[in-house]
Protein backbone atom coordinates (compact mmCIF):
# COMPACT_ATOMS: atom_id res chain seq x y z
CA MET A 1 -17.71 7.04 -13.84
CA SER A 2 -19.33 8.39 -10.70
CA ASP A 3 -21.14 5.04 -10.36
CA LEU A 4 -17.83 3.52 -9.26
CA LEU A 5 -17.32 5.77 -6.27
CA LYS A 6 -19.15 3.38 -3.96
CA MET A 7 -17.85 -0.18 -3.77
CA PRO A 8 -20.37 -2.70 -2.38
CA SER A 9 -17.79 -5.35 -1.46
CA ASP A 10 -14.04 -5.61 -0.85
CA PHE A 11 -13.21 -5.81 -4.55
CA CYS A 12 -14.47 -4.40 -7.85
CA ILE A 13 -12.96 -4.13 -11.33
CA GLN A 14 -14.57 -2.57 -14.40
CA LEU A 15 -13.60 -1.47 -17.90
CA VAL A 16 -15.37 1.83 -18.56
CA ASP A 17 -15.83 4.25 -21.43
CA VAL A 18 -15.20 7.66 -19.90
CA VAL A 19 -17.25 10.31 -21.69
CA ASP A 20 -17.59 13.08 -19.11
CA PRO A 21 -15.10 14.57 -16.63
CA CYS A 22 -15.28 13.18 -13.09
CA PRO A 23 -15.24 15.80 -10.29
CA SER A 24 -12.95 15.68 -7.26
CA HIS A 25 -13.76 12.78 -4.96
CA GLN A 26 -12.29 10.38 -2.43
CA HIS A 27 -13.19 6.89 -1.25
CA ASP A 28 -12.47 4.33 1.47
CA TYR A 29 -10.53 1.80 -0.62
CA LEU A 30 -7.44 1.63 -2.81
CA GLU A 31 -7.74 2.17 -6.53
CA LEU A 32 -5.48 1.39 -9.48
CA ALA A 33 -6.77 3.37 -12.46
CA TYR A 34 -5.27 2.23 -15.78
CA ILE A 35 -5.67 4.18 -19.04
CA CYS A 36 -6.30 1.68 -21.86
CA GLN A 37 -7.06 4.12 -24.66
CA GLY A 38 -7.16 7.88 -25.21
CA TRP A 39 -6.02 10.47 -22.65
CA THR A 40 -7.19 12.55 -19.69
CA GLN A 41 -5.96 15.43 -17.57
CA HIS A 42 -5.93 13.92 -14.09
CA THR A 43 -5.48 15.67 -10.74
CA LEU A 44 -4.33 13.87 -7.60
CA ASN A 45 -3.99 15.81 -4.33
CA GLY A 46 -3.85 19.10 -6.22
CA LYS A 47 -1.19 17.98 -8.72
CA SER A 48 -2.38 17.78 -12.34
CA GLN A 49 -0.84 15.53 -14.98
CA LYS A 50 -1.83 14.22 -18.40
CA LEU A 51 -2.36 10.45 -18.52
CA SER A 52 -2.24 8.49 -21.77
CA ALA A 53 -2.62 4.86 -22.82
CA GLY A 54 -0.40 2.62 -20.68
CA ASP A 55 -0.25 5.04 -17.73
CA PHE A 56 -1.72 4.02 -14.40
CA VAL A 57 -2.19 5.85 -11.13
CA LEU A 58 -2.28 4.49 -7.57
CA VAL A 59 -4.90 6.25 -5.44
CA ASP A 60 -4.88 5.71 -1.67
CA ASP A 61 -7.76 5.68 0.78
CA LYS A 62 -9.06 9.24 1.32
CA GLU A 63 -6.85 10.77 -1.40
CA VAL A 64 -8.63 13.32 -3.58
CA HIS A 65 -8.50 12.97 -7.36
CA SER A 66 -10.45 13.96 -10.45
CA TYR A 67 -10.57 13.60 -14.24
CA ASP A 68 -10.68 17.24 -15.30
CA VAL A 69 -10.49 16.97 -19.10
CA VAL A 70 -11.42 13.83 -21.01
CA GLY A 71 -10.14 13.10 -24.51
CA GLN A 72 -12.16 11.26 -27.14
CA HIS A 73 -12.49 7.47 -26.88
CA LEU A 74 -11.07 7.34 -23.36
CA LYS A 75 -11.20 3.84 -21.87
CA ALA A 76 -9.96 2.99 -18.39
CA VAL A 77 -9.82 0.00 -16.09
CA ASN A 78 -10.63 0.79 -12.46
CA CYS A 79 -9.39 -1.87 -10.06
CA MET A 80 -10.66 -1.11 -6.54
CA PHE A 81 -10.06 -3.15 -3.43
CA ARG A 82 -9.57 -3.14 0.30
CA PRO A 83 -6.19 -4.60 1.37
CA ALA A 84 -7.78 -7.17 3.72
CA MET A 85 -9.18 -8.85 0.63
CA ILE A 86 -5.62 -9.86 -0.31
CA ASP A 87 -4.49 -10.79 3.19
CA GLY A 88 -6.22 -10.38 6.54
CA ALA A 89 -2.97 -9.03 8.00
CA LEU A 90 -3.29 -5.99 5.72
CA GLY A 91 -6.58 -4.82 7.24
CA HIS A 92 -4.90 -1.80 8.82
CA CYS A 93 -3.39 -0.53 5.53
CA ARG A 94 -4.80 2.64 4.04
CA SER A 95 -2.28 3.21 1.24
CA PHE A 96 -0.35 1.35 -1.43
CA GLN A 97 2.83 2.34 0.43
CA GLU A 98 1.63 0.56 3.58
CA VAL A 99 0.62 -2.51 1.57
CA LEU A 100 4.07 -2.69 -0.01
CA ASP A 101 5.84 -2.05 3.30
CA SER A 102 3.83 -4.71 5.11
CA TYR A 103 3.12 -7.39 2.51
CA THR A 104 6.60 -7.43 0.98
CA LEU A 105 8.62 -7.80 4.19
CA GLY A 106 11.34 -10.31 3.35
CA MET A 107 10.82 -9.84 -0.39
CA GLY A 108 13.76 -7.49 -0.82
CA TYR A 109 11.62 -4.34 -0.96
CA THR A 110 12.61 -1.84 1.72
CA ARG A 111 12.11 1.57 0.12
CA GLY A 112 9.85 3.15 2.64
CA SER A 113 8.75 6.45 1.09
CA PHE A 114 8.87 6.33 -2.70
CA LEU A 115 5.12 6.03 -3.25
CA ARG A 116 4.53 9.17 -1.23
CA LYS A 117 6.23 11.08 -4.03
CA GLN A 118 5.57 8.97 -7.12
CA LYS A 119 2.01 7.74 -7.77
CA ILE A 120 1.90 7.52 -11.57
CA PHE A 121 3.70 4.86 -13.61
CA HIS A 122 3.83 3.66 -17.20
CA ASP A 123 3.29 0.02 -18.10
CA ASP A 124 6.27 -0.38 -20.46
CA THR A 125 5.96 -4.16 -20.84
CA GLY A 126 2.17 -4.45 -20.84
CA GLU A 127 2.28 -6.88 -17.89
CA ILE A 128 -0.01 -4.76 -15.72
CA ARG A 129 -2.62 -4.58 -18.50
CA GLN A 130 -2.45 -8.36 -18.99
CA ILE A 131 -3.17 -9.00 -15.30
CA LEU A 132 -6.05 -6.51 -15.31
CA ASP A 133 -7.55 -8.18 -18.40
CA ARG A 134 -7.36 -11.57 -16.70
CA MET A 135 -8.99 -10.15 -13.58
CA LEU A 136 -11.78 -8.63 -15.68
CA LEU A 137 -12.42 -12.00 -17.33
CA GLU A 138 -12.50 -13.84 -14.00
CA SER A 139 -14.84 -11.22 -12.53
CA GLN A 140 -17.21 -11.46 -15.52
CA THR A 141 -17.32 -15.25 -15.94
CA GLN A 142 -17.16 -16.12 -12.21
CA ALA A 143 -16.01 -19.65 -12.90
CA ALA A 144 -15.32 -22.01 -9.99
CA GLY A 145 -12.63 -20.52 -7.74
CA TYR A 146 -12.73 -17.12 -9.42
CA PHE A 147 -12.38 -15.11 -6.20
CA PRO A 148 -9.22 -16.86 -4.93
CA MET A 149 -7.88 -16.50 -8.49
CA ILE A 150 -8.47 -12.73 -8.39
CA ARG A 151 -6.84 -12.61 -4.96
CA ALA A 152 -3.75 -14.32 -6.40
CA MET A 153 -3.69 -11.88 -9.33
CA LEU A 154 -3.78 -8.91 -6.95
CA THR A 155 -0.73 -10.38 -5.21
CA GLU A 156 0.99 -10.68 -8.60
CA LEU A 157 0.03 -7.07 -9.32
CA ILE A 158 1.64 -5.89 -6.07
CA ILE A 159 4.89 -7.72 -6.88
CA LEU A 160 5.04 -6.12 -10.33
CA VAL A 161 4.48 -2.67 -8.80
CA VAL A 162 7.37 -3.39 -6.37
CA ARG A 163 9.62 -4.11 -9.34
CA MET A 164 8.53 -0.91 -11.06
CA VAL A 165 9.21 1.08 -7.88
CA LYS A 166 12.74 -0.35 -7.65
CA GLN A 167 13.37 0.51 -11.32
CA GLN A 168 12.11 4.06 -10.78
CA GLU A 169 14.29 4.46 -7.70
CA SER A 170 17.42 3.56 -9.66
CA THR A 171 16.85 6.69 -11.73
CA VAL A 172 16.42 9.11 -8.82
CA GLY A 173 19.31 8.12 -6.59
CA GLN A 174 19.51 6.74 -3.06
CA PHE A 175 17.73 8.23 -0.10
CA SER A 176 19.99 9.72 2.53
CA VAL A 177 18.38 7.71 5.34
CA GLN A 178 17.96 4.49 3.36
CA TRP A 179 20.49 2.54 5.40
CA MET A 180 18.39 3.15 8.52
CA ILE A 181 15.25 1.99 6.69
CA ASP A 182 16.99 -1.17 5.54
CA GLU A 183 18.12 -1.92 9.10
CA ILE A 184 14.61 -1.44 10.50
CA HIS A 185 13.00 -3.69 7.90
CA ARG A 186 15.74 -6.31 8.22
CA ASN A 187 14.86 -6.84 11.88
CA PRO A 188 12.04 -4.65 13.25
CA GLY A 189 12.25 -6.31 16.68
CA LYS A 190 15.83 -5.37 17.49
CA VAL A 191 16.76 -2.18 19.35
CA HIS A 192 16.71 0.85 17.04
CA ARG A 193 17.74 4.19 18.54
CA LEU A 194 18.06 7.42 16.60
CA ILE A 195 21.00 8.56 18.72
CA GLN A 196 22.99 5.43 17.77
CA TYR A 197 22.36 5.97 14.07
CA ALA A 198 23.38 9.61 14.45
CA GLU A 199 26.69 8.51 16.00
CA GLN A 200 27.36 6.20 13.06
CA PHE A 201 26.68 9.05 10.63
CA ALA A 202 28.75 11.51 12.73
CA MET A 203 25.67 13.72 12.90
CA ARG A 204 23.66 15.50 15.57
CA PRO A 205 20.49 13.51 16.46
CA GLU A 206 18.35 16.61 15.83
CA THR A 207 19.73 16.94 12.30
CA LEU A 208 19.19 13.26 11.51
CA SER A 209 15.68 13.46 12.93
CA ARG A 210 14.82 16.34 10.57
CA LEU A 211 16.32 14.50 7.57
CA PHE A 212 14.38 11.35 8.43
CA ALA A 213 11.07 13.21 8.78
CA LYS A 214 11.67 15.04 5.50
CA GLU A 215 12.36 11.82 3.57
CA MET A 216 9.75 9.58 5.20
CA GLY A 217 6.94 12.02 5.94
CA MET A 218 6.91 10.98 9.61
CA GLY A 219 9.21 10.88 12.63
CA PHE A 220 11.67 8.08 13.37
CA GLN A 221 9.70 6.62 16.30
CA GLN A 222 6.42 6.72 14.37
CA TYR A 223 8.00 4.92 11.43
CA LEU A 224 9.60 2.29 13.67
CA ARG A 225 6.28 1.70 15.44
CA ARG A 226 4.47 1.35 12.11
CA VAL A 227 6.90 -1.26 10.79
CA ARG A 228 6.72 -3.19 14.06
CA MET A 229 2.92 -3.12 13.99
CA GLN A 230 2.94 -4.39 10.40
CA MET A 231 5.02 -7.30 11.65
CA ALA A 232 2.64 -7.77 14.59
CA CYS A 233 -0.40 -7.85 12.31
CA ARG A 234 1.14 -10.62 10.26
CA LEU A 235 2.16 -12.64 13.34
CA LEU A 236 -1.32 -12.29 14.85
CA VAL A 237 -2.92 -13.69 11.71
CA GLU A 238 -0.34 -16.31 10.68
CA SER A 239 0.95 -17.67 14.00
CA ARG A 240 -0.51 -19.14 17.15
CA SER A 241 2.05 -17.45 19.39
CA PRO A 242 0.73 -15.81 22.58
CA ILE A 243 0.62 -12.03 22.79
CA THR A 244 3.64 -12.00 25.10
CA LYS A 245 5.76 -13.79 22.48
CA ILE A 246 4.55 -11.55 19.63
CA ALA A 247 5.27 -8.44 21.70
CA GLU A 248 8.80 -9.67 22.36
CA GLU A 249 9.43 -10.48 18.68
CA CYS A 250 8.25 -6.98 17.74
CA GLY A 251 10.70 -5.31 20.13
CA TYR A 252 8.51 -4.65 23.17
CA GLU A 253 9.66 -5.69 26.65
CA ASP A 254 6.16 -5.74 28.13
CA VAL A 255 2.70 -6.54 26.79
CA LYS A 256 1.16 -3.31 28.12
CA SER A 257 3.33 -1.04 25.95
CA PHE A 258 2.82 -3.40 22.97
CA ARG A 259 -0.97 -3.24 23.34
CA ALA A 260 -0.86 0.56 23.61
CA ALA A 261 1.30 0.87 20.47
CA PHE A 262 -0.87 -1.60 18.54
CA GLN A 263 -4.10 0.19 19.39
CA LYS A 264 -2.58 3.56 18.54
CA GLU A 265 -1.60 2.28 15.09
CA THR A 266 -4.64 0.14 14.21
CA GLY A 267 -7.39 1.54 16.39
CA LEU A 268 -8.08 -1.84 18.02
CA PRO A 269 -6.51 -4.00 20.75
CA PRO A 270 -4.52 -6.96 19.34
CA PHE A 271 -7.02 -9.69 20.26
CA GLN A 272 -10.01 -7.76 18.89
CA TRP A 273 -8.10 -6.95 15.71
CA LYS A 274 -7.24 -10.65 15.24
CA GLN A 275 -10.90 -11.63 15.69
CA GLN A 276 -11.99 -8.99 13.17
CA CYS A 277 -9.47 -10.25 10.60
CA ALA A 278 -10.64 -13.84 11.09
CA SER A 279 -14.31 -12.91 10.63
CA SER A 280 -13.52 -10.79 7.54
CA PHE A 281 -11.62 -13.71 5.99
CA HIS A 282 -14.53 -16.10 6.53
CA ARG A 283 -16.99 -13.59 5.06
CA VAL A 284 -14.89 -13.29 1.90
CA PHE A 285 -14.45 -17.01 1.40
């Protein structure tokens, strides 16, 4: 299993017989590990849990995980990819949560923190396994158009995970700040001020700020900036609008503050990031 820790391209999928435990490790891509047969005691970020057939775990970039105890006849599918392989606008994403938040804008998914708490799911219907099996076949046969086909299957996989997340959420109740999250995702470019939300909730801004950070794992302004930059990434890739127009649509009154926010979030200026996404897309296809 240690042979899979280094991925030579932007995508790799393999069905493996796991005989020996796999020590703690991390990598620079996203991984969906699906247990097809047998069981294992798996640890992710210090939390240990037994995984059995039909369970799958979502492992983010730089997260630490291990297979501590391996049962007999353990088989697993490891689906590993970098988000830019699905869509150039996802090149900044380093977690499944960010992929869902960015890629599913307008899809009805707005739950902004669930995957920070829940990373293991069970494939009740077998749909996830079916997609993985199809991806394995495409990867092995490499028939004409196999790579775009795999890309489409990864998109299908993301949508199914969104549905599973929404089902899981219905069993754990609503988040206390969810209305704010819905408003931000509905229109990231409009004015969003914590003090205004606090007034609507009849709450002190400091109290609401603490609640927001507790639920989302980051402050209100950081979350708002991240959602706006996800929108900006998509507009940079999919539209021909000038930077001034994109900045305005993302809620920034001047290009200078937009560029500063974009570089803080992605590590690159907007134009350079757009060029990098374009070159990555051409290398893949």
